[in-house]
Amino acid sequence: MKKIYKISGNYTPEEKEVLTKYIDMFRMRVADDDPEKNILNKKAYQYSDDTIVKLIMQSLSDINSGFPRTTYSLIYFDRNIDDNLIVDGAIVFALIREGILQMRNQIDYSDSGLSIAMFNKTSLYQGWASFLMQKYLQDKKDVKRAAMAKMPNAGFLGIGSEFGYDGW
């Protein structure tokens, strides 16, 4: 039985193949791969395929930004760079998104010494996001270092120093 993905947008067949791989990796890593166990969400996936694609594209855009600017595409990234980085970025952006949603829906109630905090999971999402963000930022920095080594005139970069730009 072949799984059917719902990816809207103007993507080539090769890009859609890469995106399906990333969707599966994302779902497995955030435990959204078995809708039967998601009884709180009426046995449905937490994230739609299109939402995951948007998070993956946001991650790719974030990886390409910063110094040095890169122009990695989905296909180049899939063939030449560690897949975990783009999925880690998508997970970090998903956790930030969920934290903002929880914060918006948070209800605190207090009466006669009884305090109730419903939907107060913001700090949990924030904790996981910051934990994963550190790994993501270090891996992103390593990819950028590799990109710098491949640039023209890379031989003139020299040996890194703690007094240099960003510790490089």
Protein backbone atom coordinates (compact mmCIF):
# COMPACT_ATOMS: atom_id res chain seq x y z
CA MET A 1 0.00 0.00 0.00
CA LYS A 2 1.44 3.33 -1.07
CA LYS A 3 1.09 6.38 1.15
CA ILE A 4 -0.53 9.39 -0.48
CA TYR A 5 0.95 12.80 0.34
CA LYS A 6 -0.96 16.06 -0.02
CA ILE A 7 1.68 18.57 -1.09
CA SER A 8 0.31 21.66 -2.72
CA GLY A 9 2.55 24.15 -4.43
CA ASN A 10 4.67 24.36 -7.51
CA TYR A 11 7.26 21.62 -6.90
CA THR A 12 8.97 19.37 -9.42
CA PRO A 13 8.49 15.60 -9.07
CA GLU A 14 12.06 15.33 -7.75
CA GLU A 15 11.40 18.03 -5.14
CA LYS A 16 8.16 16.29 -4.11
CA GLU A 17 10.12 13.06 -3.63
CA VAL A 18 12.60 14.85 -1.36
CA LEU A 19 9.76 16.53 0.53
CA THR A 20 8.01 13.22 1.16
CA LYS A 21 11.23 11.89 2.67
CA TYR A 22 11.51 14.95 4.92
CA ILE A 23 7.82 14.71 5.88
CA ASP A 24 8.32 11.12 7.01
CA MET A 25 11.48 12.05 8.96
CA PHE A 26 9.67 14.97 10.63
CA ARG A 27 6.64 12.86 11.57
CA MET A 28 8.79 10.09 13.02
CA ARG A 29 10.91 12.48 15.09
CA VAL A 30 7.97 14.37 16.62
CA ALA A 31 5.95 11.15 17.16
CA ASP A 32 3.26 12.17 14.67
CA ASP A 33 3.59 9.02 12.58
CA ASP A 34 0.70 6.98 14.03
CA PRO A 35 -2.63 8.83 14.04
CA GLU A 36 -4.32 5.90 15.84
CA LYS A 37 -2.43 6.84 19.02
CA ASN A 38 -3.47 10.49 18.83
CA ILE A 39 -6.76 10.22 20.69
CA LEU A 40 -6.76 13.87 21.77
CA ASN A 41 -6.81 14.99 18.14
CA LYS A 42 -9.55 12.56 17.04
CA LYS A 43 -7.03 10.04 15.67
CA ALA A 44 -5.66 12.49 13.11
CA TYR A 45 -2.18 13.68 12.35
CA GLN A 46 -1.12 16.74 14.34
CA TYR A 47 0.52 18.32 11.28
CA SER A 48 -0.75 18.29 7.71
CA ASP A 49 1.71 17.55 4.91
CA ASP A 50 1.45 21.15 3.71
CA THR A 51 2.24 22.50 7.19
CA ILE A 52 5.34 20.30 7.39
CA VAL A 53 6.41 21.44 3.92
CA LYS A 54 6.10 25.08 5.03
CA LEU A 55 8.19 24.34 8.14
CA ILE A 56 10.81 22.58 5.99
CA MET A 57 10.94 25.52 3.57
CA GLN A 58 11.25 27.92 6.53
CA SER A 59 14.15 25.82 7.80
CA LEU A 60 15.82 25.84 4.38
CA SER A 61 15.40 29.61 4.17
CA ASP A 62 16.91 30.02 7.63
CA ILE A 63 19.87 27.82 6.71
CA ASN A 64 20.49 29.86 3.55
CA SER A 65 20.39 33.16 5.44
CA GLY A 66 23.21 34.45 7.57
CA PHE A 67 26.92 34.48 6.84
CA PRO A 68 27.92 33.26 4.34
CA ARG A 69 24.74 33.46 2.34
CA THR A 70 24.02 30.23 0.52
CA THR A 71 21.52 29.23 -2.13
CA TYR A 72 20.93 25.59 -1.27
CA SER A 73 17.90 24.04 -2.92
CA LEU A 74 15.95 21.07 -1.61
CA ILE A 75 17.61 18.74 -4.10
CA TYR A 76 21.15 20.01 -3.48
CA PHE A 77 20.56 19.83 0.26
CA ASP A 78 19.26 16.27 0.01
CA ARG A 79 22.22 15.09 -2.04
CA ASN A 80 25.09 16.91 -0.35
CA ILE A 81 24.22 17.91 3.21
CA ASP A 82 23.06 16.06 6.31
CA ASP A 83 19.26 15.60 6.19
CA ASN A 84 18.96 15.96 9.94
CA LEU A 85 19.75 19.67 9.85
CA ILE A 86 16.75 20.67 7.75
CA VAL A 87 14.42 18.43 9.79
CA ASP A 88 15.87 19.76 13.07
CA GLY A 89 15.16 23.29 11.86
CA ALA A 90 11.59 22.36 10.92
CA ILE A 91 11.06 20.82 14.38
CA VAL A 92 12.44 23.92 16.12
CA PHE A 93 10.11 26.16 14.10
CA ALA A 94 7.20 23.80 14.83
CA LEU A 95 7.89 23.98 18.58
CA ILE A 96 8.07 27.76 18.46
CA ARG A 97 4.78 27.78 16.58
CA GLU A 98 3.15 25.45 19.11
CA GLY A 99 4.47 27.53 22.02
CA ILE A 100 2.93 30.67 20.55
CA LEU A 101 -0.38 28.84 20.04
CA GLN A 102 -0.35 27.58 23.63
CA MET A 103 0.44 31.06 24.92
CA ARG A 104 -2.46 32.48 22.94
CA ASN A 105 -4.85 29.82 24.27
CA GLN A 106 -3.61 29.87 27.87
CA ILE A 107 -6.28 30.32 30.51
CA ASP A 108 -5.32 31.07 34.12
CA TYR A 109 -8.02 31.18 36.74
CA SER A 110 -7.75 31.89 40.45
CA ASP A 111 -10.53 32.01 43.05
CA SER A 112 -10.32 31.73 46.84
CA GLY A 113 -6.82 30.30 46.81
CA LEU A 114 -7.56 27.74 44.07
CA SER A 115 -5.48 28.32 40.96
CA ILE A 116 -6.06 26.58 37.69
CA ALA A 117 -3.84 26.98 34.65
CA MET A 118 -5.40 25.38 31.61
CA PHE A 119 -3.41 24.86 28.43
CA ASN A 120 -0.31 26.18 30.17
CA LYS A 121 2.29 24.29 28.15
CA THR A 122 4.20 27.28 26.83
CA SER A 123 7.19 26.72 29.10
CA LEU A 124 7.37 23.05 28.05
CA TYR A 125 7.49 23.99 24.37
CA GLN A 126 9.99 26.74 25.13
CA GLY A 127 12.24 24.28 26.98
CA TRP A 128 12.26 21.78 24.14
CA ALA A 129 12.68 24.48 21.51
CA SER A 130 15.72 25.97 23.27
CA PHE A 131 17.21 22.50 23.82
CA LEU A 132 16.88 21.60 20.14
CA MET A 133 17.78 25.13 19.00
CA GLN A 134 21.31 24.80 20.43
CA LYS A 135 21.99 21.65 18.40
CA TYR A 136 20.38 23.15 15.30
CA LEU A 137 22.44 26.34 15.50
CA GLN A 138 25.70 24.41 15.99
CA ASP A 139 24.94 22.12 13.03
CA LYS A 140 23.98 25.15 10.92
CA LYS A 141 27.26 26.83 11.86
CA ASP A 142 29.16 23.69 10.78
CA VAL A 143 27.37 23.71 7.40
CA LYS A 144 28.25 27.38 6.95
CA ARG A 145 31.90 26.66 7.77
CA ALA A 146 31.92 23.96 5.11
CA ALA A 147 30.36 26.42 2.64
CA MET A 148 33.10 28.95 3.42
CA ALA A 149 35.79 26.38 2.72
CA LYS A 150 34.35 25.83 -0.77
CA MET A 151 34.20 29.53 -1.64
CA PRO A 152 36.64 31.15 -4.06
CA ASN A 153 39.73 32.51 -2.28
CA ALA A 154 39.02 30.16 0.64
CA GLY A 155 42.76 29.65 1.08
CA PHE A 156 43.05 33.23 2.31
CA LEU A 157 40.77 32.68 5.30
CA GLY A 158 43.63 31.59 7.53
CA ILE A 159 43.54 29.87 10.86
CA GLY A 160 40.68 30.70 13.19
CA SER A 161 41.22 32.73 16.33
CA GLU A 162 39.09 33.50 19.35
CA PHE A 163 39.59 37.18 18.43
CA GLY A 164 38.21 36.67 14.92
CA TYR A 165 34.67 37.01 13.59
CA ASP A 166 32.28 34.80 15.59
CA GLY A 167 35.12 32.64 16.88
CA TRP A 168 36.00 31.30 13.42
